[in-house]
Amino acid sequence: MKSLEELKAIREKMQGQVGFRDEGDDGIRVVVGMATCGIAAGARPVLTTLSDKVQEKGLDKVKVVQTGCIGLCKYEPIVEVIEPGKEKVTYVHMTPDKAIEIIDKHLVRGQVVSEYTLDMK
């Protein structure tokens, strides 16, 4: 990066890929733990996969956001799906392939993939 314009271009590109928390939003939030433990466990490719696939599928009501420490380091990478009016679903030990499955089954078809959830571990 050599200029402020390059930094602005990178920022604009990333804002299109990763949404920001909006408490007034009635859509689905997919929260990826991106603290040091999550990143070390492989959260960055999971976040990238989720962001890319949500955009590819045109899931306008789904926001992929990142957060810091979720507090369950041994289960990283962690992805939480928060839907209005429903209980939060916490997916653990995520991979990019599992993320694709979560998108297809949970976000598109509404079926929780229970074998990847914290409750089943």
Protein backbone atom coordinates (compact mmCIF):
# COMPACT_ATOMS: atom_id res chain seq x y z
CA MET A 1 0.00 0.00 0.00
CA LYS A 2 1.58 3.23 -1.13
CA SER A 3 -1.13 5.82 -0.86
CA LEU A 4 -4.26 6.89 0.96
CA GLU A 5 -6.26 6.16 -2.20
CA GLU A 6 -5.12 2.53 -2.13
CA LEU A 7 -6.17 2.26 1.52
CA LYS A 8 -9.60 3.73 0.71
CA ALA A 9 -10.03 1.28 -2.18
CA ILE A 10 -9.19 -1.66 0.09
CA ARG A 11 -11.62 -0.37 2.73
CA GLU A 12 -14.46 -0.04 0.21
CA LYS A 13 -13.83 -3.53 -1.12
CA MET A 14 -13.83 -5.07 2.36
CA GLN A 15 -16.98 -3.21 3.41
CA GLY A 16 -18.76 -4.92 0.56
CA GLN A 17 -17.55 -8.31 1.79
CA VAL A 18 -17.92 -8.00 5.55
CA GLY A 19 -20.95 -6.25 7.03
CA PHE A 20 -20.87 -4.22 10.20
CA ARG A 21 -23.12 -4.78 13.21
CA ASP A 22 -26.38 -2.94 12.99
CA GLU A 23 -28.65 -3.55 15.95
CA GLY A 24 -31.66 -2.22 14.03
CA ASP A 25 -31.26 -4.77 11.26
CA ASP A 26 -33.86 -7.54 11.16
CA GLY A 27 -31.76 -9.88 9.01
CA ILE A 28 -29.55 -12.81 9.90
CA ARG A 29 -26.12 -12.09 11.39
CA VAL A 30 -23.30 -14.58 10.93
CA VAL A 31 -20.63 -13.73 13.49
CA VAL A 32 -17.09 -15.08 13.11
CA GLY A 33 -14.70 -15.01 16.07
CA MET A 34 -11.58 -13.23 14.86
CA ALA A 35 -9.50 -12.90 18.03
CA THR A 36 -5.94 -14.22 18.02
CA CYS A 37 -7.07 -17.73 18.99
CA GLY A 38 -9.64 -17.83 16.19
CA ILE A 39 -7.22 -16.57 13.58
CA ALA A 40 -4.58 -19.08 14.71
CA ALA A 41 -7.16 -21.87 14.42
CA GLY A 42 -8.14 -20.88 10.85
CA ALA A 43 -10.95 -18.34 11.18
CA ARG A 44 -9.73 -16.07 8.37
CA PRO A 45 -10.45 -18.55 5.52
CA VAL A 46 -13.80 -19.35 7.16
CA LEU A 47 -14.69 -15.64 7.24
CA THR A 48 -13.60 -15.19 3.63
CA THR A 49 -15.61 -18.23 2.48
CA LEU A 50 -18.73 -17.09 4.31
CA SER A 51 -18.47 -13.54 2.93
CA ASP A 52 -17.82 -14.68 -0.63
CA LYS A 53 -20.57 -17.33 -0.70
CA VAL A 54 -23.20 -15.06 0.88
CA GLN A 55 -22.48 -12.49 -1.83
CA GLU A 56 -22.44 -15.11 -4.62
CA LYS A 57 -25.82 -16.47 -3.53
CA GLY A 58 -27.31 -12.98 -3.18
CA LEU A 59 -28.38 -13.49 0.43
CA ASP A 60 -29.23 -9.84 1.02
CA LYS A 61 -30.72 -10.40 4.50
CA VAL A 62 -27.52 -12.08 5.74
CA LYS A 63 -24.70 -9.99 7.22
CA VAL A 64 -21.33 -11.61 7.85
CA VAL A 65 -19.59 -9.79 10.69
CA GLN A 66 -16.51 -10.38 12.76
CA THR A 67 -16.03 -10.08 16.47
CA GLY A 68 -13.23 -10.47 18.96
CA CYS A 69 -12.93 -13.24 21.51
CA ILE A 70 -16.07 -15.32 22.02
CA GLY A 71 -14.46 -16.98 25.05
CA LEU A 72 -14.39 -20.60 23.89
CA CYS A 73 -10.85 -20.86 22.53
CA LYS A 74 -10.71 -24.66 22.42
CA TYR A 75 -13.66 -24.67 19.98
CA GLU A 76 -12.20 -22.19 17.46
CA PRO A 77 -12.90 -21.31 14.72
CA ILE A 78 -16.37 -20.38 15.95
CA VAL A 79 -19.28 -19.09 13.87
CA GLU A 80 -22.53 -17.90 15.44
CA VAL A 81 -25.75 -17.57 13.46
CA ILE A 82 -28.16 -15.08 14.98
CA GLU A 83 -31.65 -14.93 13.52
CA PRO A 84 -34.35 -12.59 14.81
CA GLY A 85 -36.79 -14.42 17.07
CA LYS A 86 -34.70 -17.60 17.25
CA GLU A 87 -32.08 -18.95 19.61
CA LYS A 88 -28.47 -18.30 18.60
CA VAL A 89 -26.71 -21.27 16.98
CA THR A 90 -23.00 -21.68 17.71
CA TYR A 91 -20.96 -23.70 15.23
CA VAL A 92 -17.51 -24.88 16.35
CA HIS A 93 -14.30 -26.20 14.79
CA MET A 94 -15.34 -24.60 11.50
CA THR A 95 -13.59 -25.01 8.15
CA PRO A 96 -14.30 -23.39 4.78
CA ASP A 97 -16.04 -26.62 3.65
CA LYS A 98 -18.24 -26.66 6.76
CA ALA A 99 -19.00 -22.97 6.17
CA ILE A 100 -20.31 -23.76 2.69
CA GLU A 101 -22.51 -26.48 4.17
CA ILE A 102 -23.82 -24.05 6.82
CA ILE A 103 -24.75 -21.57 4.09
CA ASP A 104 -26.56 -24.18 1.99
CA LYS A 105 -28.37 -25.95 4.80
CA HIS A 106 -28.87 -23.35 7.54
CA LEU A 107 -28.97 -19.99 5.79
CA VAL A 108 -30.72 -21.08 2.60
CA ARG A 109 -32.92 -24.00 3.77
CA GLY A 110 -33.30 -23.12 7.46
CA GLN A 111 -31.90 -26.45 8.71
CA VAL A 112 -29.43 -26.25 11.60
CA VAL A 113 -26.42 -28.51 10.98
CA SER A 114 -26.45 -29.97 14.49
CA GLU A 115 -23.32 -32.09 14.13
CA TYR A 116 -21.25 -28.90 13.98
CA THR A 117 -22.92 -27.10 16.89
CA LEU A 118 -21.55 -26.54 20.35
CA ASP A 119 -24.48 -28.45 21.90
CA MET A 120 -23.46 -31.65 20.14
CA LYS A 121 -19.75 -31.53 21.20
